[in-house]
Amino acid sequence: MPSNIPATTIRIDPEAKKEATAILDELGLSMSTAVNAFLRAPVRKGGLPFEMRVKAPVPDGKTAR
């Protein structure tokens, strides 16, 4: 990766990072490559690379996120 690309710090749930890293390792991708691919998707598609919608409330009264 070119050194003129700025570094970005993000907060990630440790378990999600662990699970995603394991999958990305199997695919031969770094976390940086995957995040860059994700960030390019809205530019290509004009939105996020997955559907976002509000779900019905879960039984305990909280909404799913």
C-alpha atoms as a PDB file:
ATOM      1  CA  MET A   1       0.000   0.000   0.000  1.00  0.00           C
ATOM      2  CA  PRO A   2       1.415   3.430  -0.873  1.00  0.00           C
ATOM      3  CA  SER A   3       2.792   5.326   2.103  1.00  0.00           C
ATOM      4  CA  ASN A   4       0.918   8.513   1.126  1.00  0.00           C
ATOM      5  CA  ILE A   5      -2.406   6.958   2.181  1.00  0.00           C
ATOM      6  CA  PRO A   6      -3.321   8.285   5.629  1.00  0.00           C
ATOM      7  CA  ALA A   7      -3.913   5.897   8.514  1.00  0.00           C
ATOM      8  CA  THR A   8      -7.370   5.827  10.096  1.00  0.00           C
ATOM      9  CA  THR A   9      -8.226   4.607  13.568  1.00  0.00           C
ATOM     10  CA  ILE A  10     -11.589   2.934  14.180  1.00  0.00           C
ATOM     11  CA  ARG A  11     -13.156   1.140  17.130  1.00  0.00           C
ATOM     12  CA  ILE A  12     -14.177  -2.434  16.412  1.00  0.00           C
ATOM     13  CA  ASP A  13     -15.879  -4.967  18.655  1.00  0.00           C
ATOM     14  CA  PRO A  14     -13.061  -7.398  19.618  1.00  0.00           C
ATOM     15  CA  GLU A  15     -15.086 -10.534  18.847  1.00  0.00           C
ATOM     16  CA  ALA A  16     -16.254  -9.186  15.474  1.00  0.00           C
ATOM     17  CA  LYS A  17     -12.651  -8.298  14.615  1.00  0.00           C
ATOM     18  CA  LYS A  18     -11.435 -11.762  15.612  1.00  0.00           C
ATOM     19  CA  GLU A  19     -14.096 -13.534  13.546  1.00  0.00           C
ATOM     20  CA  ALA A  20     -13.682 -11.229  10.543  1.00  0.00           C
ATOM     21  CA  THR A  21      -9.885 -11.557  10.650  1.00  0.00           C
ATOM     22  CA  ALA A  22     -10.157 -15.357  10.579  1.00  0.00           C
ATOM     23  CA  ILE A  23     -12.402 -15.206   7.499  1.00  0.00           C
ATOM     24  CA  LEU A  24     -10.247 -12.585   5.789  1.00  0.00           C
ATOM     25  CA  ASP A  25      -7.129 -14.681   6.467  1.00  0.00           C
ATOM     26  CA  GLU A  26      -8.779 -17.623   4.697  1.00  0.00           C
ATOM     27  CA  LEU A  27      -9.530 -15.336   1.752  1.00  0.00           C
ATOM     28  CA  GLY A  28      -5.967 -14.011   1.727  1.00  0.00           C
ATOM     29  CA  LEU A  29      -7.092 -10.467   2.530  1.00  0.00           C
ATOM     30  CA  SER A  30      -5.861  -8.033   5.142  1.00  0.00           C
ATOM     31  CA  MET A  31      -8.254  -6.033   7.302  1.00  0.00           C
ATOM     32  CA  SER A  32      -7.003  -2.895   5.550  1.00  0.00           C
ATOM     33  CA  THR A  33      -7.803  -4.319   2.108  1.00  0.00           C
ATOM     34  CA  ALA A  34     -11.281  -5.381   3.249  1.00  0.00           C
ATOM     35  CA  VAL A  35     -12.059  -1.984   4.796  1.00  0.00           C
ATOM     36  CA  ASN A  36     -10.850  -0.197   1.651  1.00  0.00           C
ATOM     37  CA  ALA A  37     -13.066  -2.450  -0.493  1.00  0.00           C
ATOM     38  CA  PHE A  38     -16.023  -1.701   1.791  1.00  0.00           C
ATOM     39  CA  LEU A  39     -15.398   2.061   1.591  1.00  0.00           C
ATOM     40  CA  ARG A  40     -15.245   1.976  -2.209  1.00  0.00           C
ATOM     41  CA  ALA A  41     -18.611   0.181  -2.469  1.00  0.00           C
ATOM     42  CA  PRO A  42     -20.807   3.258  -1.760  1.00  0.00           C
ATOM     43  CA  VAL A  43     -18.938   5.161  -4.463  1.00  0.00           C
ATOM     44  CA  ARG A  44     -19.586   2.396  -7.008  1.00  0.00           C
ATOM     45  CA  LYS A  45     -23.131   1.551  -5.949  1.00  0.00           C
ATOM     46  CA  GLY A  46     -24.389   4.879  -4.653  1.00  0.00           C
ATOM     47  CA  GLY A  47     -25.061   3.322  -1.251  1.00  0.00           C
ATOM     48  CA  LEU A  48     -23.942   0.656   1.172  1.00  0.00           C
ATOM     49  CA  PRO A  49     -23.119  -2.821  -0.168  1.00  0.00           C
ATOM     50  CA  PHE A  50     -25.979  -4.318   1.828  1.00  0.00           C
ATOM     51  CA  GLU A  51     -29.594  -3.464   2.558  1.00  0.00           C
ATOM     52  CA  MET A  52     -30.321  -1.395   5.657  1.00  0.00           C
ATOM     53  CA  ARG A  53     -33.765  -1.391   7.212  1.00  0.00           C
ATOM     54  CA  VAL A  54     -35.457  -1.015  10.548  1.00  0.00           C
ATOM     55  CA  LYS A  55     -36.488  -4.377  11.963  1.00  0.00           C
ATOM     56  CA  ALA A  56     -39.546  -5.053  14.069  1.00  0.00           C
ATOM     57  CA  PRO A  57     -38.924  -4.697  17.803  1.00  0.00           C
ATOM     58  CA  VAL A  58     -37.487  -7.755  19.491  1.00  0.00           C
ATOM     59  CA  PRO A  59     -39.496  -9.365  22.331  1.00  0.00           C
ATOM     60  CA  ASP A  60     -37.675  -7.467  25.104  1.00  0.00           C
ATOM     61  CA  GLY A  61     -38.830  -4.149  23.608  1.00  0.00           C
ATOM     62  CA  LYS A  62     -35.444  -3.085  22.254  1.00  0.00           C
ATOM     63  CA  THR A  63     -34.983  -2.561  18.536  1.00  0.00           C
ATOM     64  CA  ALA A  64     -32.475  -4.667  16.629  1.00  0.00           C
ATOM     65  CA  ARG A  65     -29.568  -2.790  15.136  1.00  0.00           C
END
